[in-house]
Amino acid sequence: MESMAFIVILLATVVLSSIIARSFTITLPLPLIQIALGCVIANVSSFRVSLEPDVFFLLFLAPLLFLDGWRIPGEGLFRDKWTIISLAFGLVLFTVLGAGVFIHWLIPAISLPAAFALASILSPTDTIAVSSAASRAPIPRRLMVILEGESLLNDASGLVCFRFAVAVAMTGNLVLWKAAGTFIWLALGGLLVGVATCVVANTTKDWVSRKFGEEVGAQILVSLIIPFTAYLIADAVGASGILAAVAAGIMMGIEERSGRASAVTRIRRSAVWDAVQFAGNGVIFVLLGHQLPGIIAGAGSAIQQTDKHNELWLIFYVLAICVVLTAIRSAWAWVTIRLRLALGEKWGHGTAASDSRLVAITAFAGARGAVTLAAAMTIPLSLRDGTAWPARDLTILLAAGVIVVSLISASAGLAFVTRPFKVSRVNELQEECAIRSIAARAAIDAIGEAVREKEAQGSGADLYVQAGERIAADYHRRIEANSVTGRESPLAAQADEIERSLRLIALDAERREMYSAARLGRQNQELIRDLVYEIDLQESQLFSRRPTAS
């Protein structure tokens, strides 16, 4: 029962963090609020939890990385695949080598293999932390897709480097060709398992739907099972479970765009996954905060491992490591942008951002998160000869400190370097209007084709013609509302807003009347619930079309 009570407390804390974040007039990063609340729980309650990395990766990272892969724009991911790969794999290796040597030089008590192990778990950025820090910063859309794609893949590469570093520390040697083969299998095997799992699951699901009809609940449950299945299979064959979850998510996005699922399934499935994402992201950072007091309590003994006695040295070490990590990331981003420009491409296409500002955005977007802390917890207690792992407590404390500092610097730094940007939606509006016009013309053509078929049959053709003319007139009005410039006239926009507000009033009146009939027991309760759901869908569509300030 204590475990269940702790789970309830965690979820309630996530809800509370959201309320606190919305109540402040200044923008506070939600992960920092959740970390702070986790620290409070650890200090005022007797609940203690051991962060088991294998369980953590499966229960939290697998579904969340699956969802991120599912929702990341596929065209951007494949268009900039080489840039993403260079950041997710090349930058990780560069960070491990550069930061590892620096950490060993800065703190000689941490041996070189142990320093490489620490650099490995500090090398991957955190998808959740990056998205949260960048949520209110006007980052160029193409660059944001690159950063999200990088954080999706570099967890696996960082953890693979960590495994190799631990192996070197334990055995004292490393066979390069075996390491290369292991790395290739971990990466390629994980990707293949993820793709195969998603394809098999969706192919089977689609066949069952065609044969016996579509069950919404089953469709949602299959989507929830896929990431766990992909992770477990990959782990069983010695491949990367994290990459398997990401690959399955990317394939799920392709499946989504095929349009085989019904509209009701997509709406309800999206709502379920939104709840999973909100709860999972929040619990990760609350748990991270819950671990911090225990880690900080060992600061005194940890600093003694470096022959220092002043705990202020820990702050210096953390800040120095963060500066070096940022410098390495900046250098790699600058070289990458130079190469892309040499190939005639622009990384920040569609923005007025300078190259130096793009480098700064990329550097500050390197926030670390719970993956780093979970990996730090897996550092062995001792080496193969029985001696203690070099400065293990200090290593874990440094990892926790880098996480907190990187989250703060990401939030403040991105706000600063993107401040000169003016958020303009002109291009987005033009693109939206063009897509709406193309879709409306396709709808008009489909209506005309259906009406002509009924006219050829001769039965009830007049009714079809009248209905088709009414629907086509509405689509023609939508096309006319979207001008050539992609922007509506002020009067047209005002008329649309008035119509939207009146429709909302009408839908609210419908719903209140149905609820009244339900309370009085005059109508079938299940029927009213279905009709209210239909009204809710119409209202959500109107809210999604609400204009935003440009």
Protein backbone atom coordinates (compact mmCIF):
# COMPACT_ATOMS: atom_id res chain seq x y z
CA MET A 1 0.00 0.00 0.00
CA GLU A 2 2.90 2.37 0.65
CA SER A 3 4.01 2.03 -2.97
CA MET A 4 0.52 2.85 -4.21
CA ALA A 5 0.32 5.83 -1.87
CA PHE A 6 3.66 7.09 -3.17
CA ILE A 7 2.45 6.78 -6.77
CA VAL A 8 -0.64 8.83 -5.91
CA ILE A 9 1.56 11.46 -4.25
CA LEU A 10 3.80 11.60 -7.34
CA LEU A 11 0.86 12.13 -9.69
CA ALA A 12 -0.70 14.73 -7.39
CA THR A 13 2.65 16.53 -7.28
CA VAL A 14 2.74 16.64 -11.09
CA VAL A 15 -0.69 18.27 -11.11
CA LEU A 16 0.42 20.74 -8.42
CA SER A 17 3.52 21.65 -10.40
CA SER A 18 1.36 22.53 -13.40
CA ILE A 19 -0.83 24.78 -11.23
CA ILE A 20 2.24 26.51 -9.77
CA ALA A 21 3.77 27.04 -13.23
CA ARG A 22 0.59 28.71 -14.48
CA SER A 23 0.17 30.87 -11.39
CA PHE A 24 3.50 32.70 -11.71
CA THR A 25 3.58 35.91 -13.72
CA ILE A 26 7.16 35.12 -14.76
CA THR A 27 7.96 32.00 -16.74
CA LEU A 28 9.48 29.24 -14.64
CA PRO A 29 10.63 26.01 -16.31
CA LEU A 30 8.20 23.28 -15.32
CA PRO A 31 10.98 20.67 -14.78
CA LEU A 32 12.66 22.93 -12.19
CA ILE A 33 9.38 23.31 -10.31
CA GLN A 34 8.90 19.56 -10.35
CA ILE A 35 12.47 18.94 -9.15
CA ALA A 36 11.90 21.40 -6.29
CA LEU A 37 8.65 19.68 -5.29
CA GLY A 38 10.41 16.31 -5.40
CA CYS A 39 13.01 17.68 -2.96
CA VAL A 40 10.20 18.84 -0.67
CA ILE A 41 8.60 15.38 -0.72
CA ALA A 42 11.92 13.76 0.17
CA ASN A 43 12.42 16.14 3.12
CA VAL A 44 8.91 16.06 4.62
CA SER A 45 7.90 12.43 4.04
CA SER A 46 9.29 9.04 4.92
CA PHE A 47 8.80 7.69 1.40
CA ARG A 48 12.02 6.45 -0.17
CA VAL A 49 12.41 5.02 -3.63
CA SER A 50 15.39 3.40 -5.29
CA LEU A 51 15.83 4.57 -8.87
CA GLU A 52 16.38 1.26 -10.64
CA PRO A 53 17.72 2.25 -14.08
CA ASP A 54 16.42 -0.79 -15.99
CA VAL A 55 12.91 -0.29 -14.63
CA PHE A 56 13.17 3.47 -15.13
CA PHE A 57 14.20 3.13 -18.78
CA LEU A 58 11.40 0.66 -19.51
CA LEU A 59 8.52 2.32 -17.65
CA PHE A 60 9.30 5.94 -18.48
CA LEU A 61 11.77 6.37 -21.31
CA ALA A 62 10.32 3.72 -23.62
CA PRO A 63 6.80 5.22 -23.91
CA LEU A 64 7.95 8.86 -23.82
CA LEU A 65 10.64 8.44 -26.47
CA PHE A 66 8.15 6.40 -28.52
CA LEU A 67 5.70 9.31 -28.36
CA ASP A 68 8.38 11.86 -29.25
CA GLY A 69 9.36 9.77 -32.25
CA TRP A 70 5.69 9.42 -33.19
CA ARG A 71 5.01 13.15 -33.14
CA ILE A 72 8.26 14.56 -34.53
CA PRO A 73 7.78 15.86 -38.11
CA GLY A 74 8.90 13.04 -40.35
CA GLU A 75 9.88 15.25 -43.28
CA GLY A 76 12.17 17.35 -41.07
CA LEU A 77 13.68 14.27 -39.44
CA PHE A 78 14.65 12.70 -42.76
CA ARG A 79 15.55 15.98 -44.47
CA ASP A 80 18.18 16.81 -41.84
CA LYS A 81 19.10 13.22 -41.01
CA TRP A 82 22.85 13.73 -41.45
CA THR A 83 22.89 16.79 -39.20
CA ILE A 84 20.89 14.90 -36.57
CA ILE A 85 23.16 11.87 -36.83
CA SER A 86 26.26 14.06 -36.50
CA LEU A 87 24.86 15.58 -33.30
CA ALA A 88 23.44 12.36 -31.88
CA PHE A 89 26.53 10.24 -32.52
CA GLY A 90 29.48 12.40 -33.56
CA LEU A 91 28.93 15.06 -30.90
CA VAL A 92 28.42 12.40 -28.23
CA LEU A 93 31.76 10.76 -29.06
CA PHE A 94 33.49 14.17 -29.23
CA THR A 95 31.97 15.10 -25.84
CA VAL A 96 33.03 11.82 -24.25
CA LEU A 97 36.64 12.28 -25.37
CA GLY A 98 36.92 16.02 -24.71
CA ALA A 99 34.96 16.23 -21.47
CA GLY A 100 36.46 12.97 -20.20
CA VAL A 101 40.02 14.26 -20.54
CA PHE A 102 39.03 17.58 -18.95
CA ILE A 103 37.30 15.93 -15.98
CA HIS A 104 40.33 13.73 -15.31
CA TRP A 105 42.63 16.80 -15.53
CA LEU A 106 40.31 18.84 -13.27
CA ILE A 107 39.79 16.07 -10.70
CA PRO A 108 42.70 13.60 -10.75
CA ALA A 109 40.92 11.43 -8.15
CA ILE A 110 38.57 10.40 -10.98
CA SER A 111 40.61 8.03 -13.14
CA LEU A 112 40.57 8.49 -16.92
CA PRO A 113 38.20 5.54 -17.62
CA ALA A 114 35.92 6.75 -14.80
CA ALA A 115 36.06 10.26 -16.25
CA PHE A 116 35.05 8.89 -19.65
CA ALA A 117 32.14 7.10 -17.94
CA LEU A 118 30.98 10.38 -16.37
CA ALA A 119 31.37 12.23 -19.68
CA SER A 120 29.33 9.50 -21.39
CA ILE A 121 26.32 9.97 -19.12
CA LEU A 122 26.62 13.75 -19.44
CA SER A 123 26.80 13.66 -23.25
CA PRO A 124 23.13 12.98 -24.14
CA THR A 125 20.65 15.80 -23.94
CA ASP A 126 17.21 15.13 -22.48
CA THR A 127 14.24 15.25 -24.86
CA ILE A 128 11.83 16.39 -22.18
CA ALA A 129 14.15 19.03 -20.76
CA VAL A 130 15.01 20.43 -24.20
CA SER A 131 11.35 20.65 -25.25
CA SER A 132 10.37 22.27 -21.96
CA ALA A 133 13.18 24.82 -22.04
CA ALA A 134 12.42 25.71 -25.65
CA SER A 135 8.62 25.75 -25.33
CA ARG A 136 8.41 29.54 -24.95
CA ALA A 137 11.45 30.51 -27.01
CA PRO A 138 10.96 31.48 -30.68
CA ILE A 139 13.42 28.89 -31.98
CA PRO A 140 13.43 28.36 -35.77
CA ARG A 141 11.19 25.42 -36.51
CA ARG A 142 13.76 23.53 -38.57
CA LEU A 143 16.40 23.91 -35.87
CA MET A 144 13.92 22.75 -33.22
CA VAL A 145 13.24 19.56 -35.20
CA ILE A 146 17.00 18.95 -35.40
CA LEU A 147 17.41 19.43 -31.65
CA GLU A 148 14.49 17.11 -30.89
CA GLY A 149 15.81 14.49 -33.29
CA GLU A 150 19.24 14.71 -31.67
CA SER A 151 17.85 14.22 -28.16
CA LEU A 152 15.82 11.25 -29.37
CA LEU A 153 18.89 9.36 -30.56
CA ASN A 154 21.76 10.48 -28.35
CA ASP A 155 20.43 8.68 -25.26
CA ALA A 156 21.34 5.39 -26.90
CA SER A 157 24.76 6.53 -28.12
CA GLY A 158 25.63 8.05 -24.74
CA LEU A 159 24.64 4.90 -22.86
CA VAL A 160 26.62 2.74 -25.29
CA CYS A 161 29.72 4.87 -24.68
CA PHE A 162 29.04 4.57 -20.95
CA ARG A 163 28.97 0.78 -21.22
CA PHE A 164 32.31 0.79 -23.02
CA ALA A 165 33.87 3.18 -20.48
CA VAL A 166 32.75 0.97 -17.59
CA ALA A 167 34.16 -2.09 -19.40
CA VAL A 168 37.52 -0.36 -19.81
CA ALA A 169 37.55 0.66 -16.14
CA MET A 170 36.71 -2.90 -15.05
CA THR A 171 39.10 -4.79 -17.36
CA GLY A 172 41.76 -2.20 -18.15
CA ASN A 173 41.59 -2.75 -21.91
CA LEU A 174 39.30 -2.28 -24.87
CA VAL A 175 39.33 -4.18 -28.17
CA LEU A 176 38.32 -1.58 -30.75
CA TRP A 177 36.96 -3.96 -33.38
CA LYS A 178 34.78 -5.70 -30.80
CA ALA A 179 33.59 -2.35 -29.48
CA ALA A 180 32.75 -1.18 -33.00
CA GLY A 181 30.84 -4.38 -33.71
CA THR A 182 28.91 -4.11 -30.47
CA PHE A 183 28.05 -0.47 -31.18
CA ILE A 184 26.80 -1.28 -34.69
CA TRP A 185 24.62 -4.11 -33.39
CA LEU A 186 23.21 -2.03 -30.55
CA ALA A 187 22.26 0.77 -32.95
CA LEU A 188 21.23 -1.19 -36.04
CA GLY A 189 19.60 -4.00 -34.06
CA GLY A 190 17.59 -1.53 -31.98
CA LEU A 191 16.35 0.32 -35.06
CA LEU A 192 15.39 -2.91 -36.85
CA VAL A 193 13.57 -4.32 -33.82
CA GLY A 194 11.63 -1.09 -33.34
CA VAL A 195 10.58 -0.88 -36.98
CA ALA A 196 9.64 -4.58 -37.14
CA THR A 197 7.64 -4.47 -33.90
CA CYS A 198 5.61 -1.48 -35.02
CA VAL A 199 5.01 -2.81 -38.54
CA VAL A 200 3.89 -6.24 -37.29
CA ALA A 201 1.63 -4.75 -34.61
CA ASN A 202 -0.02 -2.26 -36.95
CA THR A 203 -0.37 -4.72 -39.83
CA THR A 204 -2.08 -7.21 -37.53
CA LYS A 205 -4.27 -4.50 -36.01
CA ASP A 206 -5.33 -3.21 -39.45
CA TRP A 207 -6.16 -6.71 -40.67
CA VAL A 208 -8.31 -7.37 -37.61
CA SER A 209 -10.07 -4.01 -38.08
CA ARG A 210 -10.87 -4.77 -41.72
CA LYS A 211 -12.05 -8.29 -40.90
CA PHE A 212 -14.06 -7.72 -37.74
CA GLY A 213 -14.44 -3.96 -37.37
CA GLU A 214 -12.47 -1.36 -35.45
CA GLU A 215 -12.57 -1.33 -31.64
CA VAL A 216 -11.30 2.02 -30.33
CA GLY A 217 -10.17 0.66 -26.97
CA ALA A 218 -8.16 -2.11 -28.60
CA GLN A 219 -6.51 0.36 -30.97
CA ILE A 220 -5.41 2.54 -28.06
CA LEU A 221 -4.17 -0.44 -26.07
CA VAL A 222 -2.07 -1.67 -29.01
CA SER A 223 -0.39 1.74 -29.27
CA LEU A 224 0.42 1.59 -25.55
CA ILE A 225 1.89 -1.93 -25.80
CA ILE A 226 4.17 -1.26 -28.81
CA PRO A 227 6.96 0.75 -27.07
CA PHE A 228 7.28 -1.72 -24.18
CA THR A 229 7.31 -4.68 -26.56
CA ALA A 230 9.95 -3.09 -28.80
CA TYR A 231 12.14 -2.23 -25.80
CA LEU A 232 11.90 -5.71 -24.25
CA ILE A 233 12.60 -7.55 -27.51
CA ALA A 234 15.60 -5.32 -28.29
CA ASP A 235 16.94 -5.79 -24.80
CA ALA A 236 16.51 -9.57 -25.08
CA VAL A 237 18.61 -9.73 -28.26
CA GLY A 238 21.29 -7.39 -26.89
CA ALA A 239 20.28 -4.35 -28.94
CA SER A 240 19.39 -0.85 -27.77
CA GLY A 241 15.89 -0.77 -26.27
CA ILE A 242 15.88 3.02 -26.36
CA LEU A 243 16.56 3.15 -30.09
CA ALA A 244 13.94 0.45 -30.60
CA ALA A 245 11.33 2.61 -28.86
CA VAL A 246 12.32 5.65 -30.93
CA ALA A 247 12.23 3.72 -34.21
CA ALA A 248 8.83 2.26 -33.32
CA GLY A 249 7.57 5.79 -32.64
CA ILE A 250 8.80 7.08 -35.99
CA MET A 251 7.07 4.17 -37.74
CA MET A 252 3.92 4.92 -35.74
CA GLY A 253 3.99 8.44 -37.15
CA ILE A 254 4.15 6.99 -40.67
CA GLU A 255 1.22 4.70 -39.79
CA GLU A 256 -0.72 7.70 -38.47
CA ARG A 257 -0.26 9.61 -41.73
CA SER A 258 -1.61 6.65 -43.70
CA GLY A 259 -5.05 7.53 -42.31
CA ARG A 260 -6.14 3.94 -41.72
CA ALA A 261 -7.43 4.59 -38.20
CA SER A 262 -10.85 6.19 -37.76
CA ALA A 263 -11.24 9.79 -36.63
CA VAL A 264 -12.67 8.71 -33.26
CA THR A 265 -9.71 6.40 -32.67
CA ARG A 266 -7.21 9.15 -33.47
CA ILE A 267 -8.95 11.66 -31.18
CA ARG A 268 -9.26 9.33 -28.20
CA ARG A 269 -5.81 7.83 -28.70
CA SER A 270 -4.28 11.30 -28.79
CA ALA A 271 -6.06 12.21 -25.55
CA VAL A 272 -4.74 9.08 -23.82
CA TRP A 273 -1.18 9.72 -24.97
CA ASP A 274 -1.40 13.37 -23.92
CA ALA A 275 -2.19 12.17 -20.40
CA VAL A 276 0.66 9.62 -20.52
CA GLN A 277 3.09 12.30 -21.67
CA PHE A 278 1.99 14.81 -19.02
CA ALA A 279 2.18 12.27 -16.19
CA GLY A 280 5.37 10.55 -17.36
CA ASN A 281 7.33 13.75 -17.95
CA GLY A 282 6.29 15.14 -14.59
CA VAL A 283 6.99 12.00 -12.58
CA ILE A 284 10.51 11.77 -14.08
CA PHE A 285 11.50 15.17 -12.75
CA VAL A 286 9.71 14.74 -9.43
CA LEU A 287 11.67 11.50 -8.93
CA LEU A 288 14.85 13.27 -9.93
CA GLY A 289 14.18 15.91 -7.26
CA HIS A 290 13.34 13.17 -4.78
CA GLN A 291 16.85 11.74 -5.25
CA LEU A 292 18.70 15.04 -4.85
CA PRO A 293 18.56 15.46 -1.02
CA GLY A 294 20.15 12.06 -0.49
CA ILE A 295 22.83 12.84 -3.06
CA ILE A 296 23.54 16.28 -1.59
CA ALA A 297 23.73 14.77 1.91
CA GLY A 298 26.83 12.93 0.78
CA ALA A 299 28.52 16.11 -0.47
CA GLY A 300 30.92 16.24 2.48
CA SER A 301 32.26 12.73 1.98
CA ALA A 302 32.23 13.18 -1.79
CA ILE A 303 34.48 16.24 -1.78
CA GLN A 304 36.95 14.48 0.49
CA GLN A 305 37.56 12.01 -2.34
CA THR A 306 39.38 14.87 -4.13
CA ASP A 307 41.54 15.76 -1.08
CA LYS A 308 39.55 19.01 -0.74
CA HIS A 309 37.67 19.96 2.41
CA ASN A 310 35.59 22.95 1.30
CA GLU A 311 32.29 21.93 -0.25
CA LEU A 312 32.33 25.09 -2.42
CA TRP A 313 34.75 23.18 -4.64
CA LEU A 314 31.77 21.08 -5.76
CA ILE A 315 30.07 24.17 -7.17
CA PHE A 316 33.28 25.09 -8.98
CA TYR A 317 33.60 21.59 -10.44
CA VAL A 318 29.99 21.54 -11.64
CA LEU A 319 30.24 25.00 -13.24
CA ALA A 320 33.56 24.16 -14.88
CA ILE A 321 32.16 20.94 -16.38
CA CYS A 322 29.05 22.78 -17.63
CA VAL A 323 31.23 25.44 -19.30
CA VAL A 324 33.30 22.79 -21.06
CA LEU A 325 30.22 20.85 -22.18
CA THR A 326 28.74 24.05 -23.61
CA ALA A 327 32.02 24.95 -25.33
CA ILE A 328 32.29 21.50 -26.93
CA ARG A 329 28.68 21.67 -28.08
CA SER A 330 29.19 25.18 -29.49
CA ALA A 331 32.30 24.12 -31.40
CA TRP A 332 30.55 21.11 -32.91
CA ALA A 333 27.49 23.18 -33.87
CA TRP A 334 29.69 25.83 -35.51
CA VAL A 335 31.55 23.22 -37.57
CA THR A 336 28.26 21.56 -38.55
CA ILE A 337 26.74 24.84 -39.72
CA ARG A 338 29.92 25.66 -41.69
CA LEU A 339 29.72 22.29 -43.44
CA ARG A 340 26.03 22.70 -44.24
CA LEU A 341 26.66 26.17 -45.66
CA ALA A 342 29.52 24.81 -47.74
CA LEU A 343 27.02 22.35 -49.22
CA GLY A 344 24.70 25.24 -50.10
CA GLU A 345 22.16 24.63 -47.34
CA LYS A 346 20.89 26.82 -44.53
CA TRP A 347 20.35 25.29 -41.11
CA GLY A 348 17.99 27.99 -39.88
CA HIS A 349 16.10 28.25 -43.14
CA GLY A 350 13.22 30.67 -43.00
CA THR A 351 14.59 32.90 -40.22
CA ALA A 352 16.77 35.94 -39.90
CA ALA A 353 18.95 34.24 -37.32
CA SER A 354 22.69 34.67 -37.78
CA ASP A 355 25.06 31.71 -37.69
CA SER A 356 26.42 32.78 -34.32
CA ARG A 357 22.93 32.98 -32.87
CA LEU A 358 22.10 29.52 -34.21
CA VAL A 359 25.25 28.21 -32.53
CA ALA A 360 24.22 29.89 -29.26
CA ILE A 361 20.72 28.40 -29.43
CA THR A 362 22.15 24.93 -30.09
CA ALA A 363 24.62 25.30 -27.23
CA PHE A 364 22.03 26.40 -24.66
CA ALA A 365 19.59 23.71 -25.80
CA GLY A 366 21.89 21.03 -24.37
CA ALA A 367 19.90 20.46 -21.17
CA ARG A 368 20.53 17.21 -19.33
CA GLY A 369 17.82 15.28 -17.51
CA ALA A 370 16.78 12.17 -15.65
CA VAL A 371 18.55 9.79 -18.06
CA THR A 372 21.87 11.18 -16.86
CA LEU A 373 21.00 10.62 -13.22
CA ALA A 374 19.60 7.13 -13.83
CA ALA A 375 22.76 6.13 -15.69
CA ALA A 376 24.92 7.57 -12.89
CA MET A 377 23.13 5.31 -10.43
CA THR A 378 24.31 2.25 -12.40
CA ILE A 379 28.00 3.00 -11.87
CA PRO A 380 29.48 -0.12 -10.21
CA LEU A 381 30.38 0.05 -6.55
CA SER A 382 33.77 -1.57 -7.13
CA LEU A 383 36.19 -2.60 -9.85
CA ARG A 384 36.93 -6.20 -10.77
CA ASP A 385 39.85 -6.39 -8.34
CA GLY A 386 37.58 -5.38 -5.46
CA THR A 387 38.77 -1.79 -5.10
CA ALA A 388 36.16 0.94 -4.88
CA TRP A 389 35.08 2.75 -8.05
CA PRO A 390 37.15 5.96 -8.24
CA ALA A 391 35.18 8.78 -6.54
CA ARG A 392 31.77 7.17 -7.21
CA ASP A 393 29.82 9.43 -4.80
CA LEU A 394 31.46 12.49 -6.30
CA THR A 395 30.60 11.31 -9.82
CA ILE A 396 26.90 10.96 -8.97
CA LEU A 397 26.88 14.36 -7.25
CA LEU A 398 28.55 16.02 -10.25
CA ALA A 399 26.00 14.45 -12.60
CA ALA A 400 23.12 15.75 -10.47
CA GLY A 401 24.69 19.22 -10.32
CA VAL A 402 25.16 19.38 -14.09
CA ILE A 403 21.49 18.44 -14.59
CA VAL A 404 20.23 21.30 -12.43
CA VAL A 405 22.65 23.89 -13.83
CA SER A 406 21.95 22.85 -17.44
CA LEU A 407 18.20 23.17 -16.91
CA ILE A 408 18.59 26.67 -15.47
CA SER A 409 21.05 27.79 -18.15
CA ALA A 410 18.87 26.33 -20.92
CA SER A 411 15.83 28.26 -19.76
CA ALA A 412 17.65 31.56 -19.14
CA GLY A 413 20.05 31.20 -22.07
CA LEU A 414 17.42 30.40 -24.68
CA ALA A 415 15.27 33.30 -23.48
CA PHE A 416 18.26 35.62 -23.86
CA VAL A 417 19.61 34.49 -27.25
CA THR A 418 16.15 34.36 -28.85
CA ARG A 419 15.01 37.69 -27.41
CA PRO A 420 15.74 39.72 -30.59
CA PHE A 421 13.52 37.41 -32.61
CA LYS A 422 10.01 38.56 -33.37
CA VAL A 423 7.56 35.70 -33.47
CA SER A 424 5.87 36.09 -36.82
CA ARG A 425 3.16 33.77 -38.06
CA VAL A 426 2.93 35.21 -41.57
CA ASN A 427 4.70 32.27 -43.23
CA GLU A 428 2.78 29.78 -41.08
CA LEU A 429 -0.52 31.44 -42.02
CA GLN A 430 0.38 31.36 -45.71
CA GLU A 431 1.20 27.67 -45.49
CA GLU A 432 -1.97 26.96 -43.50
CA CYS A 433 -4.17 28.83 -45.99
CA ALA A 434 -2.56 27.06 -48.94
CA ILE A 435 -3.14 23.63 -47.38
CA ARG A 436 -6.73 24.51 -46.46
CA SER A 437 -7.41 25.68 -50.02
CA ILE A 438 -5.94 22.53 -51.56
CA ALA A 439 -7.96 20.32 -49.19
CA ALA A 440 -11.14 22.32 -49.87
CA ARG A 441 -10.74 21.93 -53.65
CA ALA A 442 -10.21 18.18 -53.19
CA ALA A 443 -13.41 18.08 -51.10
CA ILE A 444 -15.35 19.96 -53.81
CA ASP A 445 -14.10 17.53 -56.48
CA ALA A 446 -15.09 14.53 -54.33
CA ILE A 447 -18.57 15.97 -53.74
CA GLY A 448 -19.02 16.61 -57.46
CA GLU A 449 -17.95 13.07 -58.30
CA ALA A 450 -20.39 11.59 -55.75
CA VAL A 451 -23.26 13.75 -57.05
CA ARG A 452 -22.56 12.78 -60.67
CA GLU A 453 -22.63 9.09 -59.73
CA LYS A 454 -26.05 9.53 -58.11
CA GLU A 455 -27.32 11.50 -61.12
CA ALA A 456 -26.26 8.63 -63.36
CA GLN A 457 -28.19 6.21 -61.15
CA GLY A 458 -31.23 8.47 -61.31
CA SER A 459 -32.59 7.70 -57.82
CA GLY A 460 -32.89 10.67 -55.47
CA ALA A 461 -30.50 12.71 -57.62
CA ASP A 462 -32.18 16.04 -56.84
CA LEU A 463 -31.62 15.65 -53.11
CA TYR A 464 -27.94 14.82 -53.70
CA VAL A 465 -27.53 17.83 -55.97
CA GLN A 466 -29.07 20.18 -53.40
CA ALA A 467 -27.02 18.77 -50.54
CA GLY A 468 -23.85 18.82 -52.65
CA GLU A 469 -24.42 22.46 -53.62
CA ARG A 470 -24.83 23.49 -49.98
CA ILE A 471 -21.66 21.71 -48.89
CA ALA A 472 -19.68 22.92 -51.92
CA ALA A 473 -20.79 26.50 -51.24
CA ASP A 474 -19.32 26.26 -47.76
CA TYR A 475 -16.00 25.02 -49.15
CA HIS A 476 -15.98 27.79 -51.77
CA ARG A 477 -16.45 30.31 -48.98
CA ARG A 478 -13.45 28.84 -47.15
CA ILE A 479 -11.30 29.13 -50.28
CA GLU A 480 -12.32 32.75 -50.81
CA ALA A 481 -11.51 33.58 -47.18
CA ASN A 482 -7.90 32.56 -47.80
CA SER A 483 -6.46 35.34 -49.93
CA VAL A 484 -3.47 34.98 -52.23
CA THR A 485 -1.23 36.55 -49.61
CA GLY A 486 -2.27 33.94 -47.08
CA ARG A 487 -3.90 36.47 -44.77
CA GLU A 488 -7.55 37.23 -44.32
CA SER A 489 -8.87 40.76 -44.51
CA PRO A 490 -9.68 42.40 -41.15
CA LEU A 491 -13.43 42.24 -41.87
CA ALA A 492 -13.26 38.59 -42.89
CA ALA A 493 -11.26 37.72 -39.79
CA GLN A 494 -13.73 39.65 -37.61
CA ALA A 495 -16.68 37.89 -39.25
CA ASP A 496 -15.05 34.49 -38.67
CA GLU A 497 -14.45 35.33 -35.01
CA ILE A 498 -18.07 36.44 -34.56
CA GLU A 499 -19.32 33.25 -36.23
CA ARG A 500 -17.04 31.16 -34.04
CA SER A 501 -18.27 32.81 -30.83
CA LEU A 502 -21.92 32.35 -31.84
CA ARG A 503 -21.35 28.69 -32.67
CA LEU A 504 -19.75 28.21 -29.25
CA ILE A 505 -22.80 29.80 -27.60
CA ALA A 506 -25.10 27.50 -29.58
CA LEU A 507 -23.11 24.37 -28.74
CA ASP A 508 -23.05 25.31 -25.06
CA ALA A 509 -26.82 25.73 -25.10
CA GLU A 510 -27.23 22.32 -26.74
CA ARG A 511 -25.03 20.66 -24.16
CA ARG A 512 -26.75 22.32 -21.18
CA GLU A 513 -30.14 21.21 -22.48
CA MET A 514 -28.93 17.63 -22.89
CA TYR A 515 -27.49 17.60 -19.37
CA SER A 516 -30.76 18.95 -18.06
CA ALA A 517 -32.68 16.17 -19.79
CA ALA A 518 -30.23 13.62 -18.36
CA ARG A 519 -30.64 14.92 -14.80
CA LEU A 520 -34.42 14.76 -15.10
CA GLY A 521 -34.23 11.23 -16.50
CA ARG A 522 -36.24 12.12 -19.60
CA GLN A 523 -33.79 10.59 -22.10
CA ASN A 524 -31.48 7.61 -22.53
CA GLN A 525 -28.27 8.34 -20.59
CA GLU A 526 -25.97 6.54 -23.03
CA LEU A 527 -27.47 8.36 -25.99
CA ILE A 528 -27.00 11.73 -24.31
CA ARG A 529 -23.38 10.88 -23.48
CA ASP A 530 -22.67 10.09 -27.15
CA LEU A 531 -24.37 13.28 -28.33
CA VAL A 532 -22.48 15.41 -25.80
CA TYR A 533 -19.24 13.83 -27.00
CA GLU A 534 -20.17 14.86 -30.54
CA ILE A 535 -20.76 18.44 -29.35
CA ASP A 536 -17.44 18.41 -27.50
CA LEU A 537 -15.63 17.42 -30.70
CA GLN A 538 -17.24 20.30 -32.58
CA GLU A 539 -16.28 22.71 -29.80
CA SER A 540 -12.68 21.47 -29.68
CA GLN A 541 -12.44 22.09 -33.42
CA LEU A 542 -13.64 25.67 -32.97
CA PHE A 543 -11.11 26.25 -30.19
CA SER A 544 -8.30 24.84 -32.34
CA ARG A 545 -9.18 27.43 -34.99
CA ARG A 546 -9.00 30.33 -32.54
CA PRO A 547 -6.75 33.01 -34.06
CA THR A 548 -3.49 33.82 -32.32
CA ALA A 549 -1.68 37.09 -32.29
CA SER A 550 0.98 37.40 -34.95
